[in-house]
Amino acid sequence: GKVVLLNFWATWCAPCRKEMPALQQL
């Protein structure tokens, strides 16, 4: 019933660290 942006990530992933604040802002 919702549109979902599912993000697969890990604590050791440098690109994940860069991307996560933008996901929070969204």
mmCIF file of all heavy atoms, coordinates in Angstrom:
data_MODEL
# 
_entry.id   MODEL 
# 
loop_
_atom_site.group_PDB 
_atom_site.id 
_atom_site.type_symbol 
_atom_site.label_atom_id 
_atom_site.label_alt_id 
_atom_site.label_comp_id 
_atom_site.label_asym_id 
_atom_site.label_entity_id 
_atom_site.label_seq_id 
_atom_site.pdbx_PDB_ins_code 
_atom_site.Cartn_x 
_atom_site.Cartn_y 
_atom_site.Cartn_z 
_atom_site.occupancy 
_atom_site.B_iso_or_equiv 
_atom_site.pdbx_formal_charge 
_atom_site.auth_seq_id 
_atom_site.auth_comp_id 
_atom_site.auth_asym_id 
_atom_site.auth_atom_id 
_atom_site.pdbx_PDB_model_num 
ATOM 1   N N   . GLY A 1 1  ? 0.810  -1.206 0.000  1.00 0.00 ? 1  GLY A N   1 
ATOM 2   C CA  . GLY A 1 1  ? 0.000  0.000  0.000  1.00 0.00 ? 1  GLY A CA  1 
ATOM 3   C C   . GLY A 1 1  ? 0.850  1.265  0.000  1.00 0.00 ? 1  GLY A C   1 
ATOM 4   O O   . GLY A 1 1  ? 0.356  2.349  -0.265 1.00 0.00 ? 1  GLY A O   1 
ATOM 5   N N   . LYS A 1 2  ? 2.155  1.119  0.299  1.00 0.00 ? 2  LYS A N   1 
ATOM 6   C CA  . LYS A 1 2  ? 3.083  2.249  0.285  1.00 0.00 ? 2  LYS A CA  1 
ATOM 7   C C   . LYS A 1 2  ? 4.089  2.059  -0.839 1.00 0.00 ? 2  LYS A C   1 
ATOM 8   O O   . LYS A 1 2  ? 4.412  0.933  -1.221 1.00 0.00 ? 2  LYS A O   1 
ATOM 9   C CB  . LYS A 1 2  ? 3.896  2.325  1.588  1.00 0.00 ? 2  LYS A CB  1 
ATOM 10  C CG  . LYS A 1 2  ? 3.136  2.717  2.800  1.00 0.00 ? 2  LYS A CG  1 
ATOM 11  C CD  . LYS A 1 2  ? 4.090  2.882  3.974  1.00 0.00 ? 2  LYS A CD  1 
ATOM 12  C CE  . LYS A 1 2  ? 3.305  3.303  5.197  1.00 0.00 ? 2  LYS A CE  1 
ATOM 13  N NZ  . LYS A 1 2  ? 4.180  3.772  6.268  1.00 0.00 ? 2  LYS A NZ  1 
ATOM 14  N N   . VAL A 1 3  ? 4.618  3.158  -1.323 1.00 0.00 ? 3  VAL A N   1 
ATOM 15  C CA  . VAL A 1 3  ? 5.791  3.118  -2.181 1.00 0.00 ? 3  VAL A CA  1 
ATOM 16  C C   . VAL A 1 3  ? 6.974  2.991  -1.227 1.00 0.00 ? 3  VAL A C   1 
ATOM 17  O O   . VAL A 1 3  ? 7.029  3.674  -0.199 1.00 0.00 ? 3  VAL A O   1 
ATOM 18  C CB  . VAL A 1 3  ? 5.905  4.393  -3.035 1.00 0.00 ? 3  VAL A CB  1 
ATOM 19  C CG1 . VAL A 1 3  ? 7.222  4.434  -3.791 1.00 0.00 ? 3  VAL A CG1 1 
ATOM 20  C CG2 . VAL A 1 3  ? 4.717  4.499  -3.991 1.00 0.00 ? 3  VAL A CG2 1 
ATOM 21  N N   . VAL A 1 4  ? 7.909  2.103  -1.549 1.00 0.00 ? 4  VAL A N   1 
ATOM 22  C CA  . VAL A 1 4  ? 9.051  1.836  -0.669 1.00 0.00 ? 4  VAL A CA  1 
ATOM 23  C C   . VAL A 1 4  ? 10.353 1.980  -1.446 1.00 0.00 ? 4  VAL A C   1 
ATOM 24  O O   . VAL A 1 4  ? 10.458 1.512  -2.580 1.00 0.00 ? 4  VAL A O   1 
ATOM 25  C CB  . VAL A 1 4  ? 8.966  0.402  -0.077 1.00 0.00 ? 4  VAL A CB  1 
ATOM 26  C CG1 . VAL A 1 4  ? 10.238 0.032  0.667  1.00 0.00 ? 4  VAL A CG1 1 
ATOM 27  C CG2 . VAL A 1 4  ? 7.758  0.269  0.823  1.00 0.00 ? 4  VAL A CG2 1 
ATOM 28  N N   . LEU A 1 5  ? 11.306 2.631  -0.825 1.00 0.00 ? 5  LEU A N   1 
ATOM 29  C CA  . LEU A 1 5  ? 12.675 2.600  -1.315 1.00 0.00 ? 5  LEU A CA  1 
ATOM 30  C C   . LEU A 1 5  ? 13.436 1.720  -0.336 1.00 0.00 ? 5  LEU A C   1 
ATOM 31  O O   . LEU A 1 5  ? 13.699 2.122  0.803  1.00 0.00 ? 5  LEU A O   1 
ATOM 32  C CB  . LEU A 1 5  ? 13.291 3.993  -1.391 1.00 0.00 ? 5  LEU A CB  1 
ATOM 33  C CG  . LEU A 1 5  ? 14.711 4.013  -1.961 1.00 0.00 ? 5  LEU A CG  1 
ATOM 34  C CD1 . LEU A 1 5  ? 14.729 3.522  -3.409 1.00 0.00 ? 5  LEU A CD1 1 
ATOM 35  C CD2 . LEU A 1 5  ? 15.312 5.405  -1.863 1.00 0.00 ? 5  LEU A CD2 1 
ATOM 36  N N   . LEU A 1 6  ? 13.732 0.499  -0.753 1.00 0.00 ? 6  LEU A N   1 
ATOM 37  C CA  . LEU A 1 6  ? 14.433 -0.474 0.074  1.00 0.00 ? 6  LEU A CA  1 
ATOM 38  C C   . LEU A 1 6  ? 15.924 -0.347 -0.200 1.00 0.00 ? 6  LEU A C   1 
ATOM 39  O O   . LEU A 1 6  ? 16.361 -0.486 -1.346 1.00 0.00 ? 6  LEU A O   1 
ATOM 40  C CB  . LEU A 1 6  ? 13.952 -1.885 -0.260 1.00 0.00 ? 6  LEU A CB  1 
ATOM 41  C CG  . LEU A 1 6  ? 14.699 -3.053 0.374  1.00 0.00 ? 6  LEU A CG  1 
ATOM 42  C CD1 . LEU A 1 6  ? 14.585 -3.025 1.893  1.00 0.00 ? 6  LEU A CD1 1 
ATOM 43  C CD2 . LEU A 1 6  ? 14.179 -4.372 -0.189 1.00 0.00 ? 6  LEU A CD2 1 
ATOM 44  N N   . ASN A 1 7  ? 16.693 -0.096 0.853  1.00 0.00 ? 7  ASN A N   1 
ATOM 45  C CA  . ASN A 1 7  ? 18.129 0.085  0.707  1.00 0.00 ? 7  ASN A CA  1 
ATOM 46  C C   . ASN A 1 7  ? 18.871 -1.016 1.445  1.00 0.00 ? 7  ASN A C   1 
ATOM 47  O O   . ASN A 1 7  ? 18.742 -1.159 2.660  1.00 0.00 ? 7  ASN A O   1 
ATOM 48  C CB  . ASN A 1 7  ? 18.541 1.466  1.245  1.00 0.00 ? 7  ASN A CB  1 
ATOM 49  C CG  . ASN A 1 7  ? 20.025 1.713  1.110  1.00 0.00 ? 7  ASN A CG  1 
ATOM 50  O OD1 . ASN A 1 7  ? 20.770 1.520  2.058  1.00 0.00 ? 7  ASN A OD1 1 
ATOM 51  N ND2 . ASN A 1 7  ? 20.444 2.130  -0.067 1.00 0.00 ? 7  ASN A ND2 1 
ATOM 52  N N   . PHE A 1 8  ? 19.634 -1.811 0.699  1.00 0.00 ? 8  PHE A N   1 
ATOM 53  C CA  . PHE A 1 8  ? 20.509 -2.839 1.265  1.00 0.00 ? 8  PHE A CA  1 
ATOM 54  C C   . PHE A 1 8  ? 21.862 -2.187 1.535  1.00 0.00 ? 8  PHE A C   1 
ATOM 55  O O   . PHE A 1 8  ? 22.429 -1.552 0.643  1.00 0.00 ? 8  PHE A O   1 
ATOM 56  C CB  . PHE A 1 8  ? 20.685 -4.004 0.282  1.00 0.00 ? 8  PHE A CB  1 
ATOM 57  C CG  . PHE A 1 8  ? 19.446 -4.808 0.051  1.00 0.00 ? 8  PHE A CG  1 
ATOM 58  C CD1 . PHE A 1 8  ? 18.599 -4.518 -1.005 1.00 0.00 ? 8  PHE A CD1 1 
ATOM 59  C CD2 . PHE A 1 8  ? 19.129 -5.869 0.888  1.00 0.00 ? 8  PHE A CD2 1 
ATOM 60  C CE1 . PHE A 1 8  ? 17.449 -5.268 -1.226 1.00 0.00 ? 8  PHE A CE1 1 
ATOM 61  C CE2 . PHE A 1 8  ? 17.987 -6.624 0.678  1.00 0.00 ? 8  PHE A CE2 1 
ATOM 62  C CZ  . PHE A 1 8  ? 17.142 -6.326 -0.376 1.00 0.00 ? 8  PHE A CZ  1 
ATOM 63  N N   . TRP A 1 9  ? 22.384 -2.366 2.736  1.00 0.00 ? 9  TRP A N   1 
ATOM 64  C CA  . TRP A 1 9  ? 23.622 -1.710 3.124  1.00 0.00 ? 9  TRP A CA  1 
ATOM 65  C C   . TRP A 1 9  ? 24.346 -2.535 4.179  1.00 0.00 ? 9  TRP A C   1 
ATOM 66  O O   . TRP A 1 9  ? 23.841 -3.549 4.639  1.00 0.00 ? 9  TRP A O   1 
ATOM 67  C CB  . TRP A 1 9  ? 23.326 -0.298 3.636  1.00 0.00 ? 9  TRP A CB  1 
ATOM 68  C CG  . TRP A 1 9  ? 22.645 -0.287 4.968  1.00 0.00 ? 9  TRP A CG  1 
ATOM 69  C CD1 . TRP A 1 9  ? 21.326 -0.540 5.222  1.00 0.00 ? 9  TRP A CD1 1 
ATOM 70  C CD2 . TRP A 1 9  ? 23.252 -0.066 6.235  1.00 0.00 ? 9  TRP A CD2 1 
ATOM 71  N NE1 . TRP A 1 9  ? 21.082 -0.486 6.571  1.00 0.00 ? 9  TRP A NE1 1 
ATOM 72  C CE2 . TRP A 1 9  ? 22.239 -0.183 7.214  1.00 0.00 ? 9  TRP A CE2 1 
ATOM 73  C CE3 . TRP A 1 9  ? 24.549 0.227  6.639  1.00 0.00 ? 9  TRP A CE3 1 
ATOM 74  C CZ2 . TRP A 1 9  ? 22.494 -0.020 8.572  1.00 0.00 ? 9  TRP A CZ2 1 
ATOM 75  C CZ3 . TRP A 1 9  ? 24.796 0.401  7.996  1.00 0.00 ? 9  TRP A CZ3 1 
ATOM 76  C CH2 . TRP A 1 9  ? 23.773 0.283  8.944  1.00 0.00 ? 9  TRP A CH2 1 
ATOM 77  N N   . ALA A 1 10 ? 25.533 -2.073 4.581  1.00 0.00 ? 10 ALA A N   1 
ATOM 78  C CA  . ALA A 1 10 ? 26.297 -2.715 5.657  1.00 0.00 ? 10 ALA A CA  1 
ATOM 79  C C   . ALA A 1 10 ? 27.183 -1.673 6.329  1.00 0.00 ? 10 ALA A C   1 
ATOM 80  O O   . ALA A 1 10 ? 27.550 -0.662 5.717  1.00 0.00 ? 10 ALA A O   1 
ATOM 81  C CB  . ALA A 1 10 ? 27.155 -3.850 5.110  1.00 0.00 ? 10 ALA A CB  1 
ATOM 82  N N   . THR A 1 11 ? 27.540 -1.933 7.574  1.00 0.00 ? 11 THR A N   1 
ATOM 83  C CA  . THR A 1 11 ? 28.345 -0.986 8.350  1.00 0.00 ? 11 THR A CA  1 
ATOM 84  C C   . THR A 1 11 ? 29.752 -0.809 7.780  1.00 0.00 ? 11 THR A C   1 
ATOM 85  O O   . THR A 1 11 ? 30.369 0.239  7.973  1.00 0.00 ? 11 THR A O   1 
ATOM 86  C CB  . THR A 1 11 ? 28.456 -1.432 9.820  1.00 0.00 ? 11 THR A CB  1 
ATOM 87  O OG1 . THR A 1 11 ? 28.988 -2.765 9.868  1.00 0.00 ? 11 THR A OG1 1 
ATOM 88  C CG2 . THR A 1 11 ? 27.103 -1.394 10.508 1.00 0.00 ? 11 THR A CG2 1 
ATOM 89  N N   . TRP A 1 12 ? 30.270 -1.808 7.087  1.00 0.00 ? 12 TRP A N   1 
ATOM 90  C CA  . TRP A 1 12 ? 31.627 -1.748 6.549  1.00 0.00 ? 12 TRP A CA  1 
ATOM 91  C C   . TRP A 1 12 ? 31.679 -1.096 5.156  1.00 0.00 ? 12 TRP A C   1 
ATOM 92  O O   . TRP A 1 12 ? 32.733 -0.920 4.579  1.00 0.00 ? 12 TRP A O   1 
ATOM 93  C CB  . TRP A 1 12 ? 32.226 -3.147 6.463  1.00 0.00 ? 12 TRP A CB  1 
ATOM 94  C CG  . TRP A 1 12 ? 31.313 -4.151 5.817  1.00 0.00 ? 12 TRP A CG  1 
ATOM 95  C CD1 . TRP A 1 12 ? 30.495 -5.036 6.461  1.00 0.00 ? 12 TRP A CD1 1 
ATOM 96  C CD2 . TRP A 1 12 ? 31.090 -4.349 4.421  1.00 0.00 ? 12 TRP A CD2 1 
ATOM 97  N NE1 . TRP A 1 12 ? 29.767 -5.776 5.542  1.00 0.00 ? 12 TRP A NE1 1 
ATOM 98  C CE2 . TRP A 1 12 ? 30.127 -5.371 4.277  1.00 0.00 ? 12 TRP A CE2 1 
ATOM 99  C CE3 . TRP A 1 12 ? 31.607 -3.768 3.272  1.00 0.00 ? 12 TRP A CE3 1 
ATOM 100 C CZ2 . TRP A 1 12 ? 29.670 -5.817 3.041  1.00 0.00 ? 12 TRP A CZ2 1 
ATOM 101 C CZ3 . TRP A 1 12 ? 31.154 -4.216 2.034  1.00 0.00 ? 12 TRP A CZ3 1 
ATOM 102 C CH2 . TRP A 1 12 ? 30.201 -5.232 1.939  1.00 0.00 ? 12 TRP A CH2 1 
ATOM 103 N N   . CYS A 1 13 ? 30.532 -0.706 4.617  1.00 0.00 ? 13 CYS A N   1 
ATOM 104 C CA  . CYS A 1 13 ? 30.406 -0.220 3.239  1.00 0.00 ? 13 CYS A CA  1 
ATOM 105 C C   . CYS A 1 13 ? 30.599 1.296  3.173  1.00 0.00 ? 13 CYS A C   1 
ATOM 106 O O   . CYS A 1 13 ? 29.745 2.056  3.635  1.00 0.00 ? 13 CYS A O   1 
ATOM 107 C CB  . CYS A 1 13 ? 29.022 -0.629 2.718  1.00 0.00 ? 13 CYS A CB  1 
ATOM 108 S SG  . CYS A 1 13 ? 28.529 0.111  1.155  1.00 0.00 ? 13 CYS A SG  1 
ATOM 109 N N   . ALA A 1 14 ? 31.725 1.752  2.601  1.00 0.00 ? 14 ALA A N   1 
ATOM 110 C CA  . ALA A 1 14 ? 32.009 3.192  2.499  1.00 0.00 ? 14 ALA A CA  1 
ATOM 111 C C   . ALA A 1 14 ? 30.966 3.945  1.665  1.00 0.00 ? 14 ALA A C   1 
ATOM 112 O O   . ALA A 1 14 ? 30.513 5.012  2.078  1.00 0.00 ? 14 ALA A O   1 
ATOM 113 C CB  . ALA A 1 14 ? 33.413 3.413  1.949  1.00 0.00 ? 14 ALA A CB  1 
ATOM 114 N N   . PRO A 1 15 ? 30.541 3.428  0.494  1.00 0.00 ? 15 PRO A N   1 
ATOM 115 C CA  . PRO A 1 15 ? 29.498 4.145  -0.253 1.00 0.00 ? 15 PRO A CA  1 
ATOM 116 C C   . PRO A 1 15 ? 28.173 4.222  0.517  1.00 0.00 ? 15 PRO A C   1 
ATOM 117 O O   . PRO A 1 15 ? 27.427 5.190  0.372  1.00 0.00 ? 15 PRO A O   1 
ATOM 118 C CB  . PRO A 1 15 ? 29.337 3.327  -1.537 1.00 0.00 ? 15 PRO A CB  1 
ATOM 119 C CG  . PRO A 1 15 ? 30.611 2.575  -1.690 1.00 0.00 ? 15 PRO A CG  1 
ATOM 120 C CD  . PRO A 1 15 ? 31.083 2.306  -0.284 1.00 0.00 ? 15 PRO A CD  1 
ATOM 121 N N   . CYS A 1 16 ? 27.911 3.243  1.368  1.00 0.00 ? 16 CYS A N   1 
ATOM 122 C CA  . CYS A 1 16 ? 26.700 3.271  2.194  1.00 0.00 ? 16 CYS A CA  1 
ATOM 123 C C   . CYS A 1 16 ? 26.757 4.436  3.170  1.00 0.00 ? 16 CYS A C   1 
ATOM 124 O O   . CYS A 1 16 ? 25.758 5.128  3.403  1.00 0.00 ? 16 CYS A O   1 
ATOM 125 C CB  . CYS A 1 16 ? 26.526 1.964  2.958  1.00 0.00 ? 16 CYS A CB  1 
ATOM 126 S SG  . CYS A 1 16 ? 26.388 0.493  1.913  1.00 0.00 ? 16 CYS A SG  1 
ATOM 127 N N   . ARG A 1 17 ? 27.930 4.659  3.745  1.00 0.00 ? 17 ARG A N   1 
ATOM 128 C CA  . ARG A 1 17 ? 28.137 5.757  4.695  1.00 0.00 ? 17 ARG A CA  1 
ATOM 129 C C   . ARG A 1 17 ? 27.869 7.097  4.002  1.00 0.00 ? 17 ARG A C   1 
ATOM 130 O O   . ARG A 1 17 ? 27.253 8.000  4.568  1.00 0.00 ? 17 ARG A O   1 
ATOM 131 C CB  . ARG A 1 17 ? 29.566 5.703  5.236  1.00 0.00 ? 17 ARG A CB  1 
ATOM 132 C CG  . ARG A 1 17 ? 29.908 6.782  6.239  1.00 0.00 ? 17 ARG A CG  1 
ATOM 133 C CD  . ARG A 1 17 ? 31.317 6.584  6.792  1.00 0.00 ? 17 ARG A CD  1 
ATOM 134 N NE  . ARG A 1 17 ? 31.386 5.411  7.634  1.00 0.00 ? 17 ARG A NE  1 
ATOM 135 C CZ  . ARG A 1 17 ? 31.125 5.407  8.946  1.00 0.00 ? 17 ARG A CZ  1 
ATOM 136 N NH1 . ARG A 1 17 ? 30.805 6.522  9.548  1.00 0.00 ? 17 ARG A NH1 1 
ATOM 137 N NH2 . ARG A 1 17 ? 31.212 4.292  9.631  1.00 0.00 ? 17 ARG A NH2 1 
ATOM 138 N N   . LYS A 1 18 ? 28.311 7.215  2.767  1.00 0.00 ? 18 LYS A N   1 
ATOM 139 C CA  . LYS A 1 18 ? 28.119 8.445  1.996  1.00 0.00 ? 18 LYS A CA  1 
ATOM 140 C C   . LYS A 1 18 ? 26.637 8.654  1.652  1.00 0.00 ? 18 LYS A C   1 
ATOM 141 O O   . LYS A 1 18 ? 26.139 9.778  1.701  1.00 0.00 ? 18 LYS A O   1 
ATOM 142 C CB  . LYS A 1 18 ? 28.955 8.355  0.715  1.00 0.00 ? 18 LYS A CB  1 
ATOM 143 C CG  . LYS A 1 18 ? 28.782 9.517  -0.222 1.00 0.00 ? 18 LYS A CG  1 
ATOM 144 C CD  . LYS A 1 18 ? 29.586 9.292  -1.495 1.00 0.00 ? 18 LYS A CD  1 
ATOM 145 C CE  . LYS A 1 18 ? 29.204 10.325 -2.546 1.00 0.00 ? 18 LYS A CE  1 
ATOM 146 N NZ  . LYS A 1 18 ? 29.688 9.946  -3.866 1.00 0.00 ? 18 LYS A NZ  1 
ATOM 147 N N   . GLU A 1 19 ? 25.929 7.581  1.337  1.00 0.00 ? 19 GLU A N   1 
ATOM 148 C CA  . GLU A 1 19 ? 24.553 7.655  0.844  1.00 0.00 ? 19 GLU A CA  1 
ATOM 149 C C   . GLU A 1 19 ? 23.496 7.808  1.948  1.00 0.00 ? 19 GLU A C   1 
ATOM 150 O O   . GLU A 1 19 ? 22.456 8.431  1.747  1.00 0.00 ? 19 GLU A O   1 
ATOM 151 C CB  . GLU A 1 19 ? 24.269 6.371  0.046  1.00 0.00 ? 19 GLU A CB  1 
ATOM 152 C CG  . GLU A 1 19 ? 22.866 6.236  -0.457 1.00 0.00 ? 19 GLU A CG  1 
ATOM 153 C CD  . GLU A 1 19 ? 22.661 4.947  -1.213 1.00 0.00 ? 19 GLU A CD  1 
ATOM 154 O OE1 . GLU A 1 19 ? 22.923 3.859  -0.645 1.00 0.00 ? 19 GLU A OE1 1 
ATOM 155 O OE2 . GLU A 1 19 ? 22.229 5.026  -2.373 1.00 0.00 ? 19 GLU A OE2 1 
ATOM 156 N N   . MET A 1 20 ? 23.759 7.256  3.118  1.00 0.00 ? 20 MET A N   1 
ATOM 157 C CA  . MET A 1 20 ? 22.744 7.171  4.176  1.00 0.00 ? 20 MET A CA  1 
ATOM 158 C C   . MET A 1 20 ? 22.149 8.518  4.595  1.00 0.00 ? 20 MET A C   1 
ATOM 159 O O   . MET A 1 20 ? 20.930 8.608  4.774  1.00 0.00 ? 20 MET A O   1 
ATOM 160 C CB  . MET A 1 20 ? 23.327 6.417  5.372  1.00 0.00 ? 20 MET A CB  1 
ATOM 161 C CG  . MET A 1 20 ? 22.317 5.865  6.323  1.00 0.00 ? 20 MET A CG  1 
ATOM 162 S SD  . MET A 1 20 ? 21.249 4.553  5.666  1.00 0.00 ? 20 MET A SD  1 
ATOM 163 C CE  . MET A 1 20 ? 22.371 3.185  5.486  1.00 0.00 ? 20 MET A CE  1 
ATOM 164 N N   . PRO A 1 21 ? 22.932 9.600  4.740  1.00 0.00 ? 21 PRO A N   1 
ATOM 165 C CA  . PRO A 1 21 ? 22.305 10.879 5.099  1.00 0.00 ? 21 PRO A CA  1 
ATOM 166 C C   . PRO A 1 21 ? 21.293 11.367 4.057  1.00 0.00 ? 21 PRO A C   1 
ATOM 167 O O   . PRO A 1 21 ? 20.276 11.969 4.408  1.00 0.00 ? 21 PRO A O   1 
ATOM 168 C CB  . PRO A 1 21 ? 23.498 11.841 5.227  1.00 0.00 ? 21 PRO A CB  1 
ATOM 169 C CG  . PRO A 1 21 ? 24.638 10.944 5.607  1.00 0.00 ? 21 PRO A CG  1 
ATOM 170 C CD  . PRO A 1 21 ? 24.398 9.678  4.811  1.00 0.00 ? 21 PRO A CD  1 
ATOM 171 N N   . ALA A 1 22 ? 21.543 11.106 2.784  1.00 0.00 ? 22 ALA A N   1 
ATOM 172 C CA  . ALA A 1 22 ? 20.591 11.501 1.733  1.00 0.00 ? 22 ALA A CA  1 
ATOM 173 C C   . ALA A 1 22 ? 19.310 10.671 1.836  1.00 0.00 ? 22 ALA A C   1 
ATOM 174 O O   . ALA A 1 22 ? 18.208 11.191 1.608  1.00 0.00 ? 22 ALA A O   1 
ATOM 175 C CB  . ALA A 1 22 ? 21.225 11.344 0.355  1.00 0.00 ? 22 ALA A CB  1 
ATOM 176 N N   . LEU A 1 23 ? 19.447 9.403  2.188  1.00 0.00 ? 23 LEU A N   1 
ATOM 177 C CA  . LEU A 1 23 ? 18.257 8.565  2.391  1.00 0.00 ? 23 LEU A CA  1 
ATOM 178 C C   . LEU A 1 23 ? 17.433 9.101  3.563  1.00 0.00 ? 23 LEU A C   1 
ATOM 179 O O   . LEU A 1 23 ? 16.200 9.141  3.502  1.00 0.00 ? 23 LEU A O   1 
ATOM 180 C CB  . LEU A 1 23 ? 18.658 7.110  2.631  1.00 0.00 ? 23 LEU A CB  1 
ATOM 181 C CG  . LEU A 1 23 ? 19.184 6.355  1.422  1.00 0.00 ? 23 LEU A CG  1 
ATOM 182 C CD1 . LEU A 1 23 ? 19.847 5.056  1.861  1.00 0.00 ? 23 LEU A CD1 1 
ATOM 183 C CD2 . LEU A 1 23 ? 18.068 6.086  0.433  1.00 0.00 ? 23 LEU A CD2 1 
ATOM 184 N N   . GLN A 1 24 ? 18.123 9.524  4.625  1.00 0.00 ? 24 GLN A N   1 
ATOM 185 C CA  . GLN A 1 24 ? 17.404 10.104 5.766  1.00 0.00 ? 24 GLN A CA  1 
ATOM 186 C C   . GLN A 1 24 ? 16.672 11.372 5.359  1.00 0.00 ? 24 GLN A C   1 
ATOM 187 O O   . GLN A 1 24 ? 15.520 11.587 5.731  1.00 0.00 ? 24 GLN A O   1 
ATOM 188 C CB  . GLN A 1 24 ? 18.346 10.414 6.925  1.00 0.00 ? 24 GLN A CB  1 
ATOM 189 C CG  . GLN A 1 24 ? 17.593 11.145 8.046  1.00 0.00 ? 24 GLN A CG  1 
ATOM 190 C CD  . GLN A 1 24 ? 18.399 11.345 9.278  1.00 0.00 ? 24 GLN A CD  1 
ATOM 191 O OE1 . GLN A 1 24 ? 18.678 10.387 9.959  1.00 0.00 ? 24 GLN A OE1 1 
ATOM 192 N NE2 . GLN A 1 24 ? 18.757 12.597 9.574  1.00 0.00 ? 24 GLN A NE2 1 
ATOM 193 N N   . GLN A 1 25 ? 17.329 12.217 4.571  1.00 0.00 ? 25 GLN A N   1 
ATOM 194 C CA  . GLN A 1 25 ? 16.686 13.463 4.140  1.00 0.00 ? 25 GLN A CA  1 
ATOM 195 C C   . GLN A 1 25 ? 15.447 13.159 3.294  1.00 0.00 ? 25 GLN A C   1 
ATOM 196 O O   . GLN A 1 25 ? 14.404 13.802 3.453  1.00 0.00 ? 25 GLN A O   1 
ATOM 197 C CB  . GLN A 1 25 ? 17.667 14.329 3.360  1.00 0.00 ? 25 GLN A CB  1 
ATOM 198 C CG  . GLN A 1 25 ? 17.115 15.699 3.035  1.00 0.00 ? 25 GLN A CG  1 
ATOM 199 C CD  . GLN A 1 25 ? 18.144 16.594 2.367  1.00 0.00 ? 25 GLN A CD  1 
ATOM 200 O OE1 . GLN A 1 25 ? 19.346 16.340 2.409  1.00 0.00 ? 25 GLN A OE1 1 
ATOM 201 N NE2 . GLN A 1 25 ? 17.668 17.656 1.747  1.00 0.00 ? 25 GLN A NE2 1 
ATOM 202 N N   . LEU A 1 26 ? 15.535 12.169 2.413  1.00 0.00 ? 26 LEU A N   1 
ATOM 203 C CA  . LEU A 1 26 ? 14.387 11.764 1.602  1.00 0.00 ? 26 LEU A CA  1 
ATOM 204 C C   . LEU A 1 26 ? 13.243 11.285 2.492  1.00 0.00 ? 26 LEU A C   1 
ATOM 205 O O   . LEU A 1 26 ? 12.082 11.665 2.302  1.00 0.00 ? 26 LEU A O   1 
ATOM 206 C CB  . LEU A 1 26 ? 14.803 10.661 0.620  1.00 0.00 ? 26 LEU A CB  1 
ATOM 207 C CG  . LEU A 1 26 ? 13.716 10.137 -0.309 1.00 0.00 ? 26 LEU A CG  1 
ATOM 208 C CD1 . LEU A 1 26 ? 13.263 11.206 -1.292 1.00 0.00 ? 26 LEU A CD1 1 
ATOM 209 C CD2 . LEU A 1 26 ? 14.236 8.906  -1.064 1.00 0.00 ? 26 LEU A CD2 1 
# 
